[in-house]
Protein backbone atom coordinates (compact mmCIF):
# COMPACT_ATOMS: atom_id res chain seq x y z
CA UNK A 1 70.50 -10.29 -15.32
CA UNK A 2 70.25 -7.07 -13.32
CA UNK A 3 73.57 -6.00 -11.83
CA UNK A 4 73.61 -6.48 -8.07
CA UNK A 5 70.81 -9.05 -8.27
CA UNK A 6 72.16 -12.35 -7.02
CA UNK A 7 69.42 -14.91 -6.56
CA UNK A 8 70.48 -18.03 -4.69
CA UNK A 9 69.61 -20.48 -7.44
CA UNK A 10 72.05 -18.78 -9.88
CA UNK A 11 75.18 -18.64 -7.72
CA UNK A 12 74.55 -21.49 -5.32
CA UNK A 13 74.72 -19.25 -2.23
CA UNK A 14 72.14 -19.32 0.49
CA UNK A 15 69.94 -16.37 1.30
CA UNK A 16 71.98 -15.51 4.41
CA UNK A 17 75.20 -15.44 2.34
CA UNK A 18 73.54 -13.02 -0.09
CA UNK A 19 72.45 -10.81 2.79
CA UNK A 20 76.03 -10.78 4.11
CA UNK A 21 77.30 -9.95 0.63
CA UNK A 22 74.83 -7.08 0.25
CA UNK A 23 75.69 -5.79 3.73
CA UNK A 24 79.42 -5.80 2.95
CA UNK A 25 78.79 -3.89 -0.31
CA UNK A 26 76.76 -1.31 1.62
CA UNK A 27 79.50 -1.03 4.24
CA UNK A 28 82.12 -0.31 1.58
CA UNK A 29 80.00 2.36 -0.06
CA UNK A 30 79.90 5.61 1.87
CA UNK A 31 77.43 8.41 1.60
CA UNK A 32 79.11 11.65 0.40
CA UNK A 33 78.28 13.32 3.72
CA UNK A 34 80.19 10.57 5.54
CA UNK A 35 83.38 10.90 3.50
CA UNK A 36 86.34 12.32 5.35
CA UNK A 37 87.88 15.01 3.21
CA UNK A 38 91.33 15.61 4.60
CA UNK A 39 92.30 19.23 5.08
CA UNK A 40 89.08 20.70 3.69
CA UNK A 41 87.99 22.22 6.99
CA UNK A 42 91.42 23.78 7.47
CA UNK A 43 91.30 25.21 3.96
CA UNK A 44 87.82 26.64 4.52
CA UNK A 45 88.91 28.28 7.79
CA UNK A 46 91.98 29.75 6.10
CA UNK A 47 89.83 31.05 3.22
CA UNK A 48 87.42 32.67 5.68
CA UNK A 49 90.32 34.43 7.41
CA UNK A 50 91.71 35.67 4.09
CA UNK A 51 88.31 36.90 2.87
CA UNK A 52 87.61 38.63 6.20
CA UNK A 53 90.97 40.41 6.04
CA UNK A 54 90.33 41.44 2.43
CA UNK A 55 86.90 42.79 3.36
CA UNK A 56 88.36 44.83 6.24
CA UNK A 57 91.06 46.27 3.99
CA UNK A 58 88.49 47.20 1.32
CA UNK A 59 86.28 48.89 3.89
CA UNK A 60 89.23 50.77 5.41
CA UNK A 61 90.46 51.95 2.01
CA UNK A 62 86.95 52.99 1.02
CA UNK A 63 86.72 55.21 4.10
CA UNK A 64 90.19 56.67 3.45
CA UNK A 65 89.36 57.50 -0.19
CA UNK A 66 85.99 58.94 0.84
CA UNK A 67 87.67 61.17 3.41
CA UNK A 68 90.23 62.40 0.88
CA UNK A 69 87.52 63.16 -1.70
CA UNK A 70 85.43 65.00 0.89
CA UNK A 71 88.47 67.05 2.00
CA UNK A 72 89.23 68.00 -1.62
CA UNK A 73 85.62 69.03 -2.27
CA UNK A 74 85.59 71.18 0.87
CA UNK A 75 88.95 72.73 -0.11
CA UNK A 76 87.66 73.59 -3.61
CA UNK A 77 84.49 75.13 -2.17
CA UNK A 78 86.54 77.26 0.26
CA UNK A 79 88.89 78.36 -2.53
CA UNK A 80 85.96 79.37 -4.72
CA UNK A 81 84.36 81.32 -1.86
CA UNK A 82 87.68 82.92 -0.93
CA UNK A 83 88.34 84.20 -4.45
CA UNK A 84 84.75 85.38 -4.93
CA UNK A 85 84.75 87.27 -1.63
CA UNK A 86 88.25 88.71 -2.09
CA UNK A 87 87.28 90.40 -5.40
CA UNK A 88 84.53 92.39 -3.75
């Protein structure tokens, strides 16, 4: 016998009883999109805030390091030009 198949002549129930049984089974089963996951939305919001803050810090530090590297390159170029011009 197929599971979930409950013909009336096997269990002695009428057709309306079987319909009520099937309806109650469907009511107890929930679609995954209907499930209430407690705290998930709060966790997602918190994760977004953390990731946004991390992204801002990375961007800020990238600009700081880029500025320091550019300043060092300019300083080296000026030192090279200074020593070349001072020998003449």
